Amino acid sequence: MHGPTACHVPSLADLFDRVIQHSARMHSLSNDLHSEFREELTEVILKLLMAWRDPLFQLHESMAHQQDFNSFSSNKALKMGDMVHELRKGVEKIAEKMRVLGMLGNSIPALSSREAMLPVSESEEAMSDYELLYCFRRDSNKVQNYLKILKCRIIPEHDC
């Protein structure tokens, strides 16, 4: 207590306790946000991969029926679809391992056969093969970059 108003001046230990508690709350919030970011990024990757399943199959069908494309190009389109499927399965395995390790919650929905059976919209059917390839190239680059970011966030010893 000091002065005529008898104000209480906290001790140095009290001040340290307060800032340590504040720092702990800040760390907890940043930890929560970091976990949410991992989950959202993983979910975006899986949704992007799932979204390309039917359009790539349709691209293969379109190329197979057009004389402008040879069978080699048509087979590349089919191979891209297979690769997307395999990549999605791999990302799902990573997500499951992250769940087991407590890095992800159960908020990421399993993108199962129900979403795979969604009807293709008319806008997707109207998209030209060129536009489809352009969008796929852009999205596949996003998936690759998102996977790299996710790896760096989860496995920091890789000096990303």
N, C-alpha and C. Protein backbone atom coordinates (compact mmCIF):
# COMPACT_ATOMS: atom_id res chain seq x y z
N MET A 1 0.84 -1.17 0.00
CA MET A 1 0.00 0.00 0.00
C MET A 1 0.89 1.24 0.00
N HIS A 2 0.59 2.10 -0.94
CA HIS A 2 1.38 3.32 -1.05
C HIS A 2 0.47 4.53 -1.19
N GLY A 3 0.87 5.64 -0.64
CA GLY A 3 0.19 6.91 -0.84
C GLY A 3 -1.11 7.03 -0.08
N PRO A 4 -1.77 8.20 -0.24
CA PRO A 4 -2.98 8.48 0.54
C PRO A 4 -4.19 7.65 0.12
N THR A 5 -4.24 7.15 -1.11
CA THR A 5 -5.42 6.38 -1.52
C THR A 5 -5.27 4.91 -1.20
N ALA A 6 -4.13 4.51 -0.72
CA ALA A 6 -3.87 3.13 -0.31
C ALA A 6 -4.11 2.14 -1.44
N CYS A 7 -3.52 2.41 -2.59
CA CYS A 7 -3.62 1.50 -3.73
C CYS A 7 -2.71 0.31 -3.52
N HIS A 8 -3.19 -0.83 -3.96
CA HIS A 8 -2.39 -2.05 -3.87
C HIS A 8 -1.51 -2.15 -5.11
N VAL A 9 -0.22 -2.26 -4.92
CA VAL A 9 0.72 -2.43 -6.02
C VAL A 9 1.12 -3.91 -6.04
N PRO A 10 0.83 -4.59 -7.13
CA PRO A 10 1.16 -6.02 -7.18
C PRO A 10 2.67 -6.23 -7.10
N SER A 11 3.02 -7.33 -6.51
CA SER A 11 4.44 -7.66 -6.40
C SER A 11 4.95 -8.13 -7.77
N LEU A 12 6.23 -8.20 -7.89
CA LEU A 12 6.83 -8.68 -9.14
C LEU A 12 6.39 -10.11 -9.43
N ALA A 13 6.29 -10.92 -8.41
CA ALA A 13 5.84 -12.31 -8.58
C ALA A 13 4.40 -12.35 -9.10
N ASP A 14 3.53 -11.46 -8.57
CA ASP A 14 2.14 -11.39 -9.05
C ASP A 14 2.09 -10.98 -10.52
N LEU A 15 2.90 -10.00 -10.88
CA LEU A 15 2.94 -9.56 -12.28
C LEU A 15 3.39 -10.70 -13.19
N PHE A 16 4.40 -11.43 -12.76
CA PHE A 16 4.85 -12.58 -13.56
C PHE A 16 3.75 -13.62 -13.69
N ASP A 17 3.06 -13.90 -12.59
CA ASP A 17 1.96 -14.88 -12.64
C ASP A 17 0.89 -14.45 -13.64
N ARG A 18 0.56 -13.17 -13.65
CA ARG A 18 -0.47 -12.66 -14.57
C ARG A 18 -0.04 -12.80 -16.02
N VAL A 19 1.19 -12.39 -16.32
CA VAL A 19 1.62 -12.46 -17.72
C VAL A 19 1.83 -13.90 -18.16
N ILE A 20 2.22 -14.77 -17.26
CA ILE A 20 2.37 -16.19 -17.59
C ILE A 20 0.99 -16.79 -17.89
N GLN A 21 -0.02 -16.44 -17.09
CA GLN A 21 -1.38 -16.93 -17.35
C GLN A 21 -1.89 -16.39 -18.69
N HIS A 22 -1.63 -15.14 -18.95
CA HIS A 22 -2.04 -14.54 -20.22
C HIS A 22 -1.34 -15.23 -21.39
N SER A 23 -0.05 -15.49 -21.23
CA SER A 23 0.72 -16.18 -22.26
C SER A 23 0.18 -17.60 -22.47
N ALA A 24 -0.21 -18.28 -21.42
CA ALA A 24 -0.75 -19.63 -21.53
C ALA A 24 -2.08 -19.61 -22.30
N ARG A 25 -2.93 -18.61 -22.01
CA ARG A 25 -4.20 -18.49 -22.75
C ARG A 25 -3.93 -18.21 -24.23
N MET A 26 -2.96 -17.35 -24.51
CA MET A 26 -2.61 -17.04 -25.89
C MET A 26 -2.07 -18.28 -26.59
N HIS A 27 -1.23 -19.04 -25.92
CA HIS A 27 -0.69 -20.27 -26.50
C HIS A 27 -1.81 -21.28 -26.77
N SER A 28 -2.74 -21.39 -25.85
CA SER A 28 -3.86 -22.31 -26.02
C SER A 28 -4.70 -21.93 -27.24
N LEU A 29 -4.97 -20.63 -27.40
CA LEU A 29 -5.73 -20.18 -28.57
C LEU A 29 -4.98 -20.45 -29.87
N SER A 30 -3.67 -20.19 -29.87
CA SER A 30 -2.89 -20.43 -31.09
C SER A 30 -2.82 -21.93 -31.39
N ASN A 31 -2.77 -22.75 -30.36
CA ASN A 31 -2.76 -24.19 -30.55
C ASN A 31 -4.08 -24.66 -31.15
N ASP A 32 -5.19 -24.12 -30.65
CA ASP A 32 -6.51 -24.45 -31.19
C ASP A 32 -6.61 -24.04 -32.66
N LEU A 33 -6.14 -22.82 -32.97
CA LEU A 33 -6.19 -22.32 -34.33
C LEU A 33 -5.32 -23.17 -35.25
N HIS A 34 -4.17 -23.59 -34.76
CA HIS A 34 -3.26 -24.43 -35.55
C HIS A 34 -3.93 -25.76 -35.88
N SER A 35 -4.61 -26.35 -34.89
CA SER A 35 -5.31 -27.62 -35.12
C SER A 35 -6.45 -27.44 -36.11
N GLU A 36 -7.19 -26.34 -35.98
CA GLU A 36 -8.28 -26.07 -36.93
C GLU A 36 -7.73 -25.91 -38.34
N PHE A 37 -6.58 -25.24 -38.46
CA PHE A 37 -5.98 -25.04 -39.78
C PHE A 37 -5.62 -26.38 -40.41
N ARG A 38 -5.03 -27.29 -39.63
CA ARG A 38 -4.69 -28.62 -40.15
C ARG A 38 -5.92 -29.34 -40.65
N GLU A 39 -6.99 -29.28 -39.84
CA GLU A 39 -8.22 -29.98 -40.23
C GLU A 39 -8.82 -29.37 -41.49
N GLU A 40 -8.88 -28.03 -41.54
CA GLU A 40 -9.46 -27.39 -42.72
C GLU A 40 -8.63 -27.67 -43.97
N LEU A 41 -7.32 -27.62 -43.84
CA LEU A 41 -6.46 -27.88 -44.99
C LEU A 41 -6.62 -29.32 -45.48
N THR A 42 -6.67 -30.26 -44.56
CA THR A 42 -6.86 -31.66 -44.93
C THR A 42 -8.21 -31.85 -45.60
N GLU A 43 -9.24 -31.19 -45.07
CA GLU A 43 -10.57 -31.31 -45.66
C GLU A 43 -10.61 -30.71 -47.07
N VAL A 44 -9.95 -29.57 -47.27
CA VAL A 44 -9.91 -28.94 -48.60
C VAL A 44 -9.23 -29.87 -49.60
N ILE A 45 -8.11 -30.48 -49.19
CA ILE A 45 -7.38 -31.39 -50.07
C ILE A 45 -8.29 -32.55 -50.49
N LEU A 46 -8.95 -33.16 -49.52
CA LEU A 46 -9.82 -34.30 -49.83
C LEU A 46 -10.99 -33.90 -50.71
N LYS A 47 -11.57 -32.74 -50.46
CA LYS A 47 -12.70 -32.30 -51.28
C LYS A 47 -12.27 -31.99 -52.71
N LEU A 48 -11.10 -31.36 -52.86
CA LEU A 48 -10.60 -31.10 -54.21
C LEU A 48 -10.39 -32.40 -54.98
N LEU A 49 -9.78 -33.37 -54.32
CA LEU A 49 -9.52 -34.65 -54.99
C LEU A 49 -10.82 -35.35 -55.35
N MET A 50 -11.78 -35.31 -54.45
CA MET A 50 -13.06 -35.97 -54.71
C MET A 50 -13.82 -35.28 -55.83
N ALA A 51 -13.71 -33.97 -55.89
CA ALA A 51 -14.44 -33.21 -56.91
C ALA A 51 -13.97 -33.54 -58.32
N TRP A 52 -12.77 -34.05 -58.47
CA TRP A 52 -12.23 -34.31 -59.80
C TRP A 52 -12.52 -35.70 -60.32
N ARG A 53 -13.09 -36.55 -59.53
CA ARG A 53 -13.32 -37.93 -59.94
C ARG A 53 -14.17 -38.03 -61.21
N ASP A 54 -15.37 -37.49 -61.16
CA ASP A 54 -16.28 -37.59 -62.31
C ASP A 54 -15.84 -36.74 -63.49
N PRO A 55 -15.40 -35.49 -63.30
CA PRO A 55 -14.96 -34.72 -64.46
C PRO A 55 -13.82 -35.37 -65.23
N LEU A 56 -12.88 -36.01 -64.54
CA LEU A 56 -11.79 -36.67 -65.25
C LEU A 56 -12.28 -37.90 -66.01
N PHE A 57 -13.22 -38.60 -65.45
CA PHE A 57 -13.79 -39.74 -66.17
C PHE A 57 -14.52 -39.25 -67.43
N GLN A 58 -15.26 -38.14 -67.28
CA GLN A 58 -15.96 -37.58 -68.42
C GLN A 58 -14.98 -37.07 -69.48
N LEU A 59 -13.87 -36.52 -69.04
CA LEU A 59 -12.84 -36.08 -69.99
C LEU A 59 -12.32 -37.27 -70.79
N HIS A 60 -12.06 -38.36 -70.11
CA HIS A 60 -11.61 -39.58 -70.78
C HIS A 60 -12.65 -40.03 -71.81
N GLU A 61 -13.91 -40.06 -71.40
CA GLU A 61 -14.99 -40.46 -72.32
C GLU A 61 -15.07 -39.53 -73.53
N SER A 62 -14.97 -38.24 -73.26
CA SER A 62 -15.04 -37.25 -74.33
C SER A 62 -13.88 -37.43 -75.32
N MET A 63 -12.69 -37.62 -74.79
CA MET A 63 -11.52 -37.77 -75.65
C MET A 63 -11.57 -39.08 -76.43
N ALA A 64 -12.12 -40.10 -75.82
CA ALA A 64 -12.20 -41.40 -76.49
C ALA A 64 -13.16 -41.36 -77.68
N HIS A 65 -14.14 -40.46 -77.65
CA HIS A 65 -15.13 -40.38 -78.71
C HIS A 65 -14.85 -39.28 -79.73
N GLN A 66 -13.79 -38.52 -79.54
CA GLN A 66 -13.46 -37.45 -80.48
C GLN A 66 -12.27 -37.86 -81.34
N GLN A 67 -12.35 -37.53 -82.57
CA GLN A 67 -11.26 -37.86 -83.49
C GLN A 67 -10.06 -36.95 -83.31
N ASP A 68 -10.27 -35.80 -82.68
CA ASP A 68 -9.17 -34.86 -82.47
C ASP A 68 -8.11 -35.41 -81.52
N PHE A 69 -8.51 -36.34 -80.66
CA PHE A 69 -7.59 -36.89 -79.67
C PHE A 69 -7.25 -38.33 -80.03
N ASN A 70 -6.00 -38.68 -79.83
CA ASN A 70 -5.62 -40.07 -80.06
C ASN A 70 -5.85 -40.88 -78.79
N SER A 71 -5.71 -42.16 -78.88
CA SER A 71 -5.97 -43.02 -77.72
C SER A 71 -4.96 -42.77 -76.60
N PHE A 72 -3.77 -42.30 -76.97
CA PHE A 72 -2.75 -41.99 -75.97
C PHE A 72 -3.23 -40.86 -75.06
N SER A 73 -3.81 -39.81 -75.63
CA SER A 73 -4.35 -38.69 -74.84
C SER A 73 -5.52 -39.14 -73.99
N SER A 74 -6.38 -39.97 -74.56
CA SER A 74 -7.52 -40.48 -73.81
C SER A 74 -7.04 -41.31 -72.62
N ASN A 75 -6.02 -42.12 -72.84
CA ASN A 75 -5.48 -42.94 -71.76
C ASN A 75 -4.83 -42.08 -70.67
N LYS A 76 -4.23 -40.96 -71.07
CA LYS A 76 -3.67 -40.05 -70.07
C LYS A 76 -4.77 -39.50 -69.17
N ALA A 77 -5.89 -39.16 -69.76
CA ALA A 77 -7.02 -38.65 -68.98
C ALA A 77 -7.51 -39.72 -68.01
N LEU A 78 -7.59 -40.96 -68.46
CA LEU A 78 -8.00 -42.05 -67.58
C LEU A 78 -6.97 -42.26 -66.47
N LYS A 79 -5.69 -42.18 -66.82
CA LYS A 79 -4.63 -42.35 -65.83
C LYS A 79 -4.68 -41.24 -64.77
N MET A 80 -4.98 -40.01 -65.21
CA MET A 80 -5.12 -38.91 -64.23
C MET A 80 -6.23 -39.22 -63.24
N GLY A 81 -7.34 -39.74 -63.74
CA GLY A 81 -8.44 -40.10 -62.85
C GLY A 81 -8.03 -41.17 -61.85
N ASP A 82 -7.29 -42.17 -62.32
CA ASP A 82 -6.80 -43.22 -61.42
C ASP A 82 -5.83 -42.65 -60.39
N MET A 83 -4.98 -41.74 -60.84
CA MET A 83 -4.00 -41.13 -59.94
C MET A 83 -4.68 -40.28 -58.86
N VAL A 84 -5.72 -39.56 -59.25
CA VAL A 84 -6.48 -38.76 -58.28
C VAL A 84 -7.10 -39.68 -57.24
N HIS A 85 -7.66 -40.80 -57.70
CA HIS A 85 -8.27 -41.77 -56.78
C HIS A 85 -7.22 -42.32 -55.80
N GLU A 86 -6.07 -42.70 -56.31
CA GLU A 86 -5.01 -43.23 -55.45
C GLU A 86 -4.49 -42.16 -54.48
N LEU A 87 -4.34 -40.93 -54.97
CA LEU A 87 -3.88 -39.85 -54.12
C LEU A 87 -4.88 -39.58 -53.00
N ARG A 88 -6.17 -39.59 -53.35
CA ARG A 88 -7.19 -39.39 -52.32
C ARG A 88 -7.12 -40.48 -51.26
N LYS A 89 -6.94 -41.72 -51.68
CA LYS A 89 -6.82 -42.81 -50.71
C LYS A 89 -5.60 -42.59 -49.81
N GLY A 90 -4.50 -42.12 -50.39
CA GLY A 90 -3.30 -41.85 -49.59
C GLY A 90 -3.52 -40.73 -48.59
N VAL A 91 -4.18 -39.67 -49.02
CA VAL A 91 -4.47 -38.55 -48.11
C VAL A 91 -5.42 -39.00 -47.02
N GLU A 92 -6.39 -39.84 -47.35
CA GLU A 92 -7.29 -40.37 -46.33
C GLU A 92 -6.52 -41.20 -45.30
N LYS A 93 -5.52 -41.97 -45.74
CA LYS A 93 -4.69 -42.73 -44.80
C LYS A 93 -3.90 -41.79 -43.89
N ILE A 94 -3.36 -40.71 -44.47
CA ILE A 94 -2.64 -39.73 -43.66
C ILE A 94 -3.58 -39.10 -42.63
N ALA A 95 -4.78 -38.73 -43.07
CA ALA A 95 -5.76 -38.12 -42.17
C ALA A 95 -6.12 -39.08 -41.04
N GLU A 96 -6.29 -40.35 -41.37
CA GLU A 96 -6.61 -41.34 -40.33
C GLU A 96 -5.46 -41.48 -39.34
N LYS A 97 -4.23 -41.50 -39.84
CA LYS A 97 -3.06 -41.58 -38.96
C LYS A 97 -2.98 -40.34 -38.07
N MET A 98 -3.28 -39.17 -38.64
CA MET A 98 -3.29 -37.94 -37.86
C MET A 98 -4.37 -37.98 -36.78
N ARG A 99 -5.52 -38.59 -37.08
CA ARG A 99 -6.58 -38.75 -36.07
C ARG A 99 -6.08 -39.63 -34.93
N VAL A 100 -5.46 -40.75 -35.30
CA VAL A 100 -4.95 -41.69 -34.29
C VAL A 100 -3.91 -41.02 -33.39
N LEU A 101 -3.08 -40.17 -33.99
CA LEU A 101 -2.04 -39.48 -33.23
C LEU A 101 -2.58 -38.25 -32.48
N GLY A 102 -3.89 -37.98 -32.62
CA GLY A 102 -4.50 -36.86 -31.93
C GLY A 102 -4.26 -35.52 -32.60
N MET A 103 -3.80 -35.52 -33.84
CA MET A 103 -3.54 -34.27 -34.55
C MET A 103 -4.78 -33.73 -35.22
N LEU A 104 -5.76 -34.57 -35.47
CA LEU A 104 -7.02 -34.17 -36.09
C LEU A 104 -8.16 -34.69 -35.24
N GLY A 105 -9.23 -33.93 -35.24
CA GLY A 105 -10.44 -34.41 -34.60
C GLY A 105 -11.22 -35.26 -35.57
N ASN A 106 -12.42 -35.56 -35.20
CA ASN A 106 -13.27 -36.36 -36.08
C ASN A 106 -14.17 -35.49 -36.94
N SER A 107 -13.81 -34.21 -37.08
CA SER A 107 -14.69 -33.29 -37.80
C SER A 107 -14.59 -33.43 -39.31
N ILE A 108 -13.53 -34.08 -39.81
CA ILE A 108 -13.40 -34.25 -41.25
C ILE A 108 -14.31 -35.39 -41.67
N PRO A 109 -15.32 -35.08 -42.47
CA PRO A 109 -16.23 -36.14 -42.88
C PRO A 109 -15.56 -37.10 -43.85
N ALA A 110 -15.91 -38.35 -43.74
CA ALA A 110 -15.39 -39.33 -44.69
C ALA A 110 -16.07 -39.08 -46.03
N LEU A 111 -15.28 -38.87 -47.04
CA LEU A 111 -15.83 -38.64 -48.37
C LEU A 111 -16.00 -39.99 -49.03
N SER A 112 -17.15 -40.56 -48.78
CA SER A 112 -17.37 -41.94 -49.18
C SER A 112 -18.18 -42.03 -50.45
N SER A 113 -18.71 -43.18 -50.66
CA SER A 113 -19.43 -43.46 -51.91
C SER A 113 -20.64 -42.56 -52.11
N ARG A 114 -21.25 -42.05 -51.06
CA ARG A 114 -22.43 -41.20 -51.23
C ARG A 114 -22.04 -39.93 -51.99
N GLU A 115 -20.93 -39.30 -51.62
CA GLU A 115 -20.50 -38.10 -52.35
C GLU A 115 -19.99 -38.46 -53.73
N ALA A 116 -19.46 -39.66 -53.87
CA ALA A 116 -18.96 -40.08 -55.18
C ALA A 116 -20.11 -40.26 -56.16
N MET A 117 -21.31 -40.48 -55.67
CA MET A 117 -22.44 -40.74 -56.55
C MET A 117 -23.26 -39.49 -56.86
N LEU A 118 -22.80 -38.32 -56.42
CA LEU A 118 -23.54 -37.11 -56.70
C LEU A 118 -23.63 -36.88 -58.20
N PRO A 119 -24.78 -36.44 -58.69
CA PRO A 119 -24.92 -36.23 -60.13
C PRO A 119 -24.05 -35.06 -60.58
N VAL A 120 -23.58 -35.15 -61.80
CA VAL A 120 -22.76 -34.09 -62.36
C VAL A 120 -23.68 -32.97 -62.80
N SER A 121 -23.29 -31.75 -62.46
CA SER A 121 -24.15 -30.62 -62.82
C SER A 121 -24.02 -30.31 -64.30
N GLU A 122 -25.00 -29.59 -64.81
CA GLU A 122 -24.99 -29.24 -66.23
C GLU A 122 -23.80 -28.35 -66.56
N SER A 123 -23.37 -27.52 -65.62
CA SER A 123 -22.25 -26.63 -65.90
C SER A 123 -20.96 -27.43 -66.10
N GLU A 124 -20.81 -28.52 -65.38
CA GLU A 124 -19.64 -29.37 -65.58
C GLU A 124 -19.68 -30.04 -66.94
N GLU A 125 -20.88 -30.44 -67.38
CA GLU A 125 -21.00 -31.08 -68.68
C GLU A 125 -20.69 -30.10 -69.81
N ALA A 126 -21.02 -28.84 -69.60
CA ALA A 126 -20.83 -27.84 -70.64
C ALA A 126 -19.38 -27.36 -70.73
N MET A 127 -18.59 -27.64 -69.72
CA MET A 127 -17.21 -27.17 -69.70
C MET A 127 -16.41 -27.86 -70.82
N SER A 128 -15.67 -27.07 -71.54
CA SER A 128 -14.87 -27.64 -72.63
C SER A 128 -13.72 -28.47 -72.06
N ASP A 129 -13.21 -29.36 -72.88
CA ASP A 129 -12.08 -30.19 -72.45
C ASP A 129 -10.89 -29.31 -72.08
N TYR A 130 -10.67 -28.24 -72.83
CA TYR A 130 -9.55 -27.35 -72.54
C TYR A 130 -9.73 -26.68 -71.18
N GLU A 131 -10.92 -26.17 -70.91
CA GLU A 131 -11.18 -25.53 -69.61
C GLU A 131 -11.03 -26.53 -68.47
N LEU A 132 -11.51 -27.73 -68.71
CA LEU A 132 -11.40 -28.78 -67.70
C LEU A 132 -9.93 -29.08 -67.39
N LEU A 133 -9.12 -29.22 -68.42
CA LEU A 133 -7.70 -29.49 -68.21
C LEU A 133 -7.00 -28.32 -67.51
N TYR A 134 -7.38 -27.10 -67.89
CA TYR A 134 -6.81 -25.93 -67.25
C TYR A 134 -7.14 -25.91 -65.76
N CYS A 135 -8.39 -26.15 -65.42
CA CYS A 135 -8.81 -26.16 -64.02
C CYS A 135 -8.17 -27.31 -63.25
N PHE A 136 -8.07 -28.47 -63.89
CA PHE A 136 -7.45 -29.60 -63.21
C PHE A 136 -5.97 -29.31 -62.93
N ARG A 137 -5.29 -28.72 -63.89
CA ARG A 137 -3.87 -28.39 -63.70
C ARG A 137 -3.72 -27.42 -62.53
N ARG A 138 -4.58 -26.43 -62.46
CA ARG A 138 -4.55 -25.46 -61.37
C ARG A 138 -4.84 -26.13 -60.03
N ASP A 139 -5.89 -26.95 -59.97
CA ASP A 139 -6.26 -27.61 -58.72
C ASP A 139 -5.23 -28.65 -58.29
N SER A 140 -4.64 -29.36 -59.24
CA SER A 140 -3.63 -30.36 -58.86
C SER A 140 -2.40 -29.66 -58.27
N ASN A 141 -2.10 -28.47 -58.77
CA ASN A 141 -0.99 -27.70 -58.19
C ASN A 141 -1.34 -27.24 -56.77
N LYS A 142 -2.60 -26.84 -56.56
CA LYS A 142 -3.05 -26.46 -55.22
C LYS A 142 -2.91 -27.64 -54.26
N VAL A 143 -3.37 -28.82 -54.69
CA VAL A 143 -3.29 -30.00 -53.83
C VAL A 143 -1.84 -30.26 -53.45
N GLN A 144 -0.94 -30.20 -54.41
CA GLN A 144 0.47 -30.44 -54.14
C GLN A 144 1.00 -29.42 -53.12
N ASN A 145 0.69 -28.14 -53.33
CA ASN A 145 1.15 -27.11 -52.40
C ASN A 145 0.53 -27.26 -51.02
N TYR A 146 -0.77 -27.58 -50.96
CA TYR A 146 -1.43 -27.77 -49.67
C TYR A 146 -0.83 -28.96 -48.92
N LEU A 147 -0.50 -30.03 -49.64
CA LEU A 147 0.13 -31.18 -48.99
C LEU A 147 1.50 -30.81 -48.43
N LYS A 148 2.26 -30.02 -49.16
CA LYS A 148 3.57 -29.57 -48.67
C LYS A 148 3.42 -28.71 -47.42
N ILE A 149 2.44 -27.80 -47.43
CA ILE A 149 2.20 -26.94 -46.27
C ILE A 149 1.79 -27.79 -45.08
N LEU A 150 0.88 -28.74 -45.31
CA LEU A 150 0.41 -29.61 -44.23
C LEU A 150 1.57 -30.40 -43.65
N LYS A 151 2.44 -30.95 -44.50
CA LYS A 151 3.60 -31.71 -44.03
C LYS A 151 4.50 -30.83 -43.18
N CYS A 152 4.75 -29.60 -43.63
CA CYS A 152 5.62 -28.70 -42.87
C CYS A 152 5.01 -28.32 -41.52
N ARG A 153 3.69 -28.22 -41.48
CA ARG A 153 3.03 -27.89 -40.21
C ARG A 153 3.04 -29.05 -39.25
N ILE A 154 2.99 -30.26 -39.78
CA ILE A 154 2.89 -31.44 -38.92
C ILE A 154 4.26 -32.00 -38.56
N ILE A 155 5.19 -31.96 -39.50
CA ILE A 155 6.51 -32.52 -39.29
C ILE A 155 7.54 -31.40 -39.40
N PRO A 156 7.67 -30.58 -38.37
CA PRO A 156 8.53 -29.38 -38.46
C PRO A 156 10.02 -29.70 -38.60
N GLU A 157 10.43 -30.88 -38.27
CA GLU A 157 11.86 -31.22 -38.37
C GLU A 157 12.36 -31.30 -39.80
N HIS A 158 11.49 -31.13 -40.77
CA HIS A 158 11.90 -31.16 -42.17
C HIS A 158 12.37 -29.79 -42.66
N ASP A 159 12.47 -28.81 -41.75
CA ASP A 159 12.99 -27.47 -42.06
C ASP A 159 12.33 -26.86 -43.28
N CYS A 160 11.04 -26.81 -43.28
CA CYS A 160 10.30 -26.24 -44.41
C CYS A 160 10.33 -24.72 -44.34
